[in-house]
Amino acid sequence: MTEGKALTIGDCVHRAARDFDVQGLASPRLDAEVLLAHILKVDRLYLYRNPEEPLTQEVASAFQSLTARRLRGEPVAYLLNRKEFWSLIFEVNEQVLIPRPDTECLVEEVLKVCSDAATGDLRILDLGTGSGAVGVALAWELRHAHVVATDISPGALNVARRNAGRHGVEQRMTFLAGDLFAPLSEKFDIIVSNPPYIRTTAFQALPPGVRGYEPAAALLAGPEGTVFHERIIAGCPEYLNEGGWLFLEIGPEQRQGVEALLAAAAIFEESHFRRDYAGLDRVAAAKRKQSSWTR
């Protein structure tokens, strides 16, 4: 290449994809295209249609900076500061977990129950809201609901508030700082949570982009990965209305342990488990019993 010649779109994508591939990244060309499209504020189709378009030095330098961060393992979602979930775009940064497609199963299960709910006030509690993905998605879908979202991280709550504002549901959401139920004094019709559920011993086996960049406090949950499931289930007698539902995301090998926790609580009249689209156990759902006595 002649010295001083401007790099083209095709040059940059090819070089970055090659470097990503050498580094062993899972989707080298896609990552390269997404990052360059982000800088240029265009879609990926534009890159295919204009491979010979020269890039300014400013654009080339910005792209080089992002590719260097990607080569160190930083997730693309953090580089873009956004991630799609439930067909909505969410702001993300290193203070929150990146929403996963599997978690959409959690939203789907809540909506199955709420589709038959009355159109009056529905109170939903989203424990450990993180980016707000689950709570905002539910508020978006259930226009008659009010969602209370808690998180122990003030930084995460700030991200969640901005995401609620982005999608116009901030008037029907309340954000409270605290550990799980700590900031609460009321009961709810629905309790939903995607809690930490990675076993401590499994942390080192996580992909480098997860282990090195996503907040460990939002991932780790003791030797069996069910510390938070146990605490949430234990809080249901005080915070879940009779006849209300609990929904928990679980790890693929945690069904038996969570099932035992639900049975031991002795307040649920039914429970079921939902698999994700890869066929792995992903959601635990349980309905609280109604009182047997009448006035």
Protein backbone atom coordinates (compact mmCIF):
# COMPACT_ATOMS: atom_id res chain seq x y z
CA MET A 1 0.00 0.00 0.00
CA THR A 2 1.37 3.43 -0.99
CA GLU A 3 2.49 5.56 1.97
CA GLY A 4 0.00 8.30 2.70
CA LYS A 5 -2.88 6.59 0.91
CA ALA A 6 -6.10 6.81 2.91
CA LEU A 7 -7.47 3.57 4.28
CA THR A 8 -10.78 2.48 2.78
CA ILE A 9 -13.77 0.87 4.45
CA GLY A 10 -12.75 -2.46 2.95
CA ASP A 11 -9.16 -2.12 4.17
CA CYS A 12 -10.22 -1.44 7.75
CA VAL A 13 -12.78 -4.23 7.92
CA HIS A 14 -10.36 -6.75 6.40
CA ARG A 15 -7.47 -5.88 8.70
CA ALA A 16 -9.56 -5.82 11.85
CA ALA A 17 -11.31 -9.10 10.96
CA ARG A 18 -7.93 -10.72 10.36
CA ASP A 19 -6.57 -9.52 13.70
CA PHE A 20 -9.72 -10.60 15.54
CA ASP A 21 -9.51 -14.04 13.91
CA VAL A 22 -5.87 -14.46 14.95
CA GLN A 23 -6.89 -13.53 18.50
CA GLY A 24 -9.51 -16.30 18.41
CA LEU A 25 -12.57 -14.05 18.73
CA ALA A 26 -15.82 -15.81 17.87
CA SER A 27 -17.19 -13.53 15.14
CA PRO A 28 -14.23 -11.59 13.70
CA ARG A 29 -15.76 -10.08 10.58
CA LEU A 30 -19.08 -9.26 12.22
CA ASP A 31 -17.29 -7.52 15.10
CA ALA A 32 -15.18 -5.50 12.66
CA GLU A 33 -18.21 -4.44 10.63
CA VAL A 34 -20.29 -3.54 13.68
CA LEU A 35 -17.54 -1.38 15.16
CA LEU A 36 -16.83 0.50 11.92
CA ALA A 37 -20.53 1.01 11.21
CA HIS A 38 -20.88 2.42 14.73
CA ILE A 39 -18.13 4.97 14.15
CA LEU A 40 -19.46 5.97 10.73
CA LYS A 41 -23.08 6.03 12.04
CA VAL A 42 -24.23 3.84 9.16
CA ASP A 43 -25.62 0.32 8.88
CA ARG A 44 -23.54 -2.68 7.83
CA LEU A 45 -25.11 -2.72 4.38
CA TYR A 46 -23.47 0.64 3.72
CA LEU A 47 -20.07 -0.98 4.31
CA TYR A 48 -20.79 -3.67 1.72
CA ARG A 49 -21.92 -1.12 -0.83
CA ASN A 50 -18.97 1.24 -0.35
CA PRO A 51 -15.82 -0.82 0.28
CA GLU A 52 -13.60 1.62 -1.65
CA GLU A 53 -14.73 4.71 0.25
CA PRO A 54 -11.69 6.35 1.90
CA LEU A 55 -11.80 7.07 5.60
CA THR A 56 -10.64 10.24 7.27
CA GLN A 57 -7.72 10.01 9.64
CA GLU A 58 -10.09 10.80 12.51
CA VAL A 59 -12.35 7.87 11.66
CA ALA A 60 -9.43 5.50 11.10
CA SER A 61 -7.90 6.47 14.46
CA ALA A 62 -11.23 6.01 16.28
CA PHE A 63 -11.65 2.59 14.66
CA GLN A 64 -8.12 1.59 15.62
CA SER A 65 -8.83 2.55 19.22
CA LEU A 66 -11.97 0.38 19.35
CA THR A 67 -10.29 -2.57 17.64
CA ALA A 68 -7.42 -2.42 20.15
CA ARG A 69 -9.92 -2.63 23.01
CA ARG A 70 -11.73 -5.51 21.31
CA LEU A 71 -8.43 -7.36 20.87
CA ARG A 72 -7.92 -7.11 24.63
CA GLY A 73 -11.23 -8.93 25.06
CA GLU A 74 -13.62 -6.09 25.85
CA PRO A 75 -17.17 -7.06 24.79
CA VAL A 76 -18.60 -5.32 21.73
CA ALA A 77 -21.65 -4.20 23.73
CA TYR A 78 -19.42 -2.18 26.07
CA LEU A 79 -17.52 -0.71 23.12
CA LEU A 80 -20.81 0.47 21.62
CA ASN A 81 -22.40 1.26 25.02
CA ARG A 82 -25.56 -0.47 23.88
CA LYS A 83 -27.21 -3.88 23.51
CA GLU A 84 -30.52 -4.95 22.02
CA PHE A 85 -32.92 -6.82 24.28
CA TRP A 86 -36.60 -7.52 23.63
CA SER A 87 -36.22 -5.49 20.39
CA LEU A 88 -35.33 -2.45 22.52
CA ILE A 89 -31.92 -0.78 22.66
CA PHE A 90 -30.40 -0.58 26.14
CA GLU A 91 -27.47 1.46 27.32
CA VAL A 92 -24.83 -0.76 28.94
CA ASN A 93 -21.47 -0.13 30.56
CA GLU A 94 -19.13 -2.02 32.86
CA GLN A 95 -21.37 -1.38 35.87
CA VAL A 96 -24.06 -3.71 34.50
CA LEU A 97 -24.23 -7.14 32.95
CA ILE A 98 -24.83 -7.27 29.22
CA PRO A 99 -28.41 -8.52 28.64
CA ARG A 100 -28.51 -11.99 27.07
CA PRO A 101 -31.08 -13.32 24.61
CA ASP A 102 -31.75 -16.25 27.01
CA THR A 103 -33.16 -13.78 29.54
CA GLU A 104 -35.97 -12.94 27.12
CA CYS A 105 -37.43 -16.29 28.23
CA LEU A 106 -37.85 -14.77 31.69
CA VAL A 107 -39.86 -11.87 30.23
CA GLU A 108 -41.94 -14.27 28.14
CA GLU A 109 -42.91 -16.33 31.18
CA VAL A 110 -44.02 -13.26 33.13
CA LEU A 111 -46.12 -12.09 30.20
CA LYS A 112 -47.85 -15.47 29.93
CA VAL A 113 -49.20 -15.01 33.46
CA CYS A 114 -49.94 -11.31 33.09
CA SER A 115 -51.81 -11.65 29.79
CA ASP A 116 -54.84 -12.78 31.77
CA ALA A 117 -54.39 -10.23 34.57
CA ALA A 118 -56.89 -7.48 35.20
CA THR A 119 -56.11 -4.13 33.64
CA GLY A 120 -55.97 -2.49 37.06
CA ASP A 121 -52.80 -1.80 39.03
CA LEU A 122 -50.30 -4.61 38.71
CA ARG A 123 -47.29 -4.35 41.02
CA ILE A 124 -44.09 -5.97 39.74
CA LEU A 125 -40.78 -6.19 41.60
CA ASP A 126 -37.58 -6.58 39.58
CA LEU A 127 -34.81 -7.62 41.98
CA GLY A 128 -31.24 -6.85 40.93
CA THR A 129 -32.36 -4.92 37.89
CA GLY A 130 -28.88 -4.16 36.49
CA SER A 131 -29.36 -2.35 33.19
CA GLY A 132 -33.12 -2.50 33.75
CA ALA A 133 -33.61 -4.80 30.77
CA VAL A 134 -36.22 -7.07 32.36
CA GLY A 135 -38.09 -4.37 34.28
CA VAL A 136 -38.17 -1.93 31.36
CA ALA A 137 -39.29 -4.64 28.94
CA LEU A 138 -42.15 -5.57 31.27
CA ALA A 139 -43.16 -1.95 31.79
CA TRP A 140 -43.07 -1.50 28.02
CA GLU A 141 -45.36 -4.48 27.44
CA LEU A 142 -47.68 -4.07 30.44
CA ARG A 143 -48.97 -0.51 30.24
CA HIS A 144 -51.15 -1.00 33.33
CA ALA A 145 -48.27 -2.17 35.52
CA HIS A 146 -45.96 -0.35 37.90
CA VAL A 147 -42.47 -1.83 38.22
CA VAL A 148 -40.25 -1.34 41.26
CA ALA A 149 -36.61 -2.11 40.47
CA THR A 150 -33.93 -2.60 43.10
CA ASP A 151 -30.17 -2.97 42.83
CA ILE A 152 -27.32 -2.80 45.31
CA SER A 153 -25.23 -0.82 42.79
CA PRO A 154 -26.02 2.91 42.48
CA GLY A 155 -24.18 2.92 39.16
CA ALA A 156 -26.41 0.17 37.80
CA LEU A 157 -29.53 2.02 38.96
CA ASN A 158 -28.39 5.14 37.08
CA VAL A 159 -28.08 3.08 33.90
CA ALA A 160 -31.50 1.50 34.49
CA ARG A 161 -33.12 4.90 35.04
CA ARG A 162 -31.69 6.19 31.77
CA ASN A 163 -32.97 3.11 29.96
CA ALA A 164 -36.44 3.62 31.42
CA GLY A 165 -36.34 7.21 30.19
CA ARG A 166 -35.13 6.13 26.75
CA HIS A 167 -38.18 3.93 26.35
CA GLY A 168 -40.73 6.23 27.95
CA VAL A 169 -41.63 4.08 30.95
CA GLU A 170 -39.91 6.06 33.71
CA GLN A 171 -43.26 7.32 35.05
CA ARG A 172 -44.31 3.73 35.78
CA MET A 173 -41.07 2.62 37.36
CA THR A 174 -39.49 3.24 40.75
CA PHE A 175 -35.78 2.63 41.36
CA LEU A 176 -34.52 1.83 44.84
CA ALA A 177 -30.94 1.27 46.00
CA GLY A 178 -30.41 -1.68 48.29
CA ASP A 179 -29.67 -5.38 48.63
CA LEU A 180 -32.62 -7.35 47.20
CA PHE A 181 -35.65 -6.65 49.47
CA ALA A 182 -33.82 -4.28 51.84
CA PRO A 183 -35.35 -0.99 50.60
CA LEU A 184 -38.92 -2.38 50.40
CA SER A 185 -41.95 -2.30 52.69
CA GLU A 186 -44.78 -3.54 50.44
CA LYS A 187 -45.98 -6.68 48.69
CA PHE A 188 -46.10 -7.38 44.97
CA ASP A 189 -48.17 -9.40 42.51
CA ILE A 190 -45.08 -10.48 40.58
CA ILE A 191 -41.49 -10.88 41.75
CA VAL A 192 -39.00 -11.40 38.95
CA SER A 193 -35.23 -11.65 39.04
CA ASN A 194 -32.23 -12.60 36.96
CA PRO A 195 -29.95 -12.99 39.98
CA PRO A 196 -26.27 -13.91 40.04
CA TYR A 197 -26.04 -17.68 39.54
CA ILE A 198 -22.46 -18.58 38.60
CA ARG A 199 -20.79 -21.05 40.97
CA THR A 200 -17.63 -19.62 42.54
CA THR A 201 -15.54 -22.48 41.20
CA ALA A 202 -16.84 -21.88 37.66
CA PHE A 203 -15.68 -18.25 37.47
CA GLN A 204 -12.31 -19.00 35.89
CA ALA A 205 -14.03 -21.04 33.16
CA LEU A 206 -16.08 -18.07 31.98
CA PRO A 207 -15.11 -16.47 28.65
CA PRO A 208 -12.37 -13.82 29.10
CA GLY A 209 -14.72 -11.04 27.96
CA VAL A 210 -17.15 -11.94 30.75
CA ARG A 211 -14.57 -12.71 33.45
CA GLY A 212 -12.45 -9.68 32.71
CA TYR A 213 -15.06 -7.00 32.11
CA GLU A 214 -18.55 -7.78 33.45
CA PRO A 215 -19.16 -7.05 37.17
CA ALA A 216 -18.29 -10.14 39.22
CA ALA A 217 -20.80 -9.18 41.91
CA ALA A 218 -23.58 -9.60 39.35
CA LEU A 219 -22.32 -13.06 38.40
CA LEU A 220 -21.10 -15.00 41.43
CA ALA A 221 -23.47 -16.75 43.83
CA GLY A 222 -21.60 -19.14 46.09
CA PRO A 223 -20.55 -22.80 45.77
CA GLU A 224 -23.80 -23.96 44.11
CA GLY A 225 -24.71 -20.71 42.39
CA THR A 226 -28.03 -20.53 44.25
CA VAL A 227 -27.29 -18.19 47.18
CA PHE A 228 -29.50 -15.45 45.74
CA HIS A 229 -32.26 -17.84 44.69
CA GLU A 230 -32.42 -19.03 48.30
CA ARG A 231 -32.56 -15.48 49.66
CA ILE A 232 -35.25 -14.40 47.20
CA ILE A 233 -37.43 -17.43 47.89
CA ALA A 234 -37.02 -16.84 51.64
CA GLY A 235 -38.29 -13.28 51.17
CA CYS A 236 -41.46 -14.27 49.33
CA PRO A 237 -43.66 -14.79 52.43
CA GLU A 238 -43.14 -11.12 53.30
CA TYR A 239 -43.06 -9.53 49.85
CA LEU A 240 -45.17 -11.68 47.47
CA ASN A 241 -48.95 -11.39 47.54
CA GLU A 242 -51.03 -14.52 47.92
CA GLY A 243 -51.79 -15.83 44.47
CA GLY A 244 -48.80 -13.93 43.15
CA TRP A 245 -46.01 -15.35 41.03
CA LEU A 246 -42.24 -15.65 41.45
CA PHE A 247 -40.01 -15.90 38.36
CA LEU A 248 -36.28 -16.62 38.59
CA GLU A 249 -33.67 -17.12 35.92
CA ILE A 250 -31.53 -20.16 36.72
CA GLY A 251 -28.38 -21.79 35.45
CA PRO A 252 -28.77 -24.92 33.28
CA GLU A 253 -27.74 -27.27 36.13
CA GLN A 254 -29.68 -25.61 38.93
CA ARG A 255 -33.21 -26.91 38.40
CA GLN A 256 -33.02 -29.61 41.06
CA GLY A 257 -31.58 -27.27 43.70
CA VAL A 258 -34.08 -24.48 43.02
CA GLU A 259 -36.96 -26.96 42.91
CA ALA A 260 -35.95 -28.16 46.38
CA LEU A 261 -35.80 -24.57 47.67
CA LEU A 262 -39.30 -23.87 46.36
CA ALA A 263 -40.68 -27.03 47.95
CA ALA A 264 -38.99 -26.30 51.28
CA ALA A 265 -40.56 -22.82 51.38
CA ALA A 266 -43.99 -24.50 51.60
CA ILE A 267 -45.85 -21.40 50.38
CA PHE A 268 -46.22 -22.28 46.68
CA GLU A 269 -49.13 -24.22 45.25
CA GLU A 270 -47.56 -24.89 41.86
CA SER A 271 -44.27 -24.49 40.07
CA HIS A 272 -42.83 -25.15 36.65
CA PHE A 273 -39.60 -24.73 34.73
CA ARG A 274 -39.00 -23.26 31.29
CA ARG A 275 -36.21 -24.20 28.92
CA ASP A 276 -34.51 -21.65 26.68
CA TYR A 277 -34.26 -22.03 22.91
CA ALA A 278 -31.10 -24.11 23.28
CA GLY A 279 -33.07 -26.63 25.33
CA LEU A 280 -31.47 -25.70 28.67
CA ASP A 281 -33.40 -25.09 31.89
CA ARG A 282 -33.57 -21.30 32.21
CA VAL A 283 -36.59 -20.10 34.23
CA ALA A 284 -38.22 -21.25 37.46
CA ALA A 285 -41.79 -20.08 38.09
CA ALA A 286 -43.91 -20.61 41.19
CA LYS A 287 -47.36 -19.41 42.30
CA ARG A 288 -47.97 -18.56 45.95
CA LYS A 289 -50.85 -20.30 47.70
CA GLN A 290 -54.01 -18.47 48.63
CA SER A 291 -55.06 -18.49 52.30
CA SER A 292 -57.38 -21.37 53.12
CA TRP A 293 -59.34 -19.44 55.74
CA THR A 294 -62.22 -17.05 55.04
CA ARG A 295 -63.62 -14.24 57.11
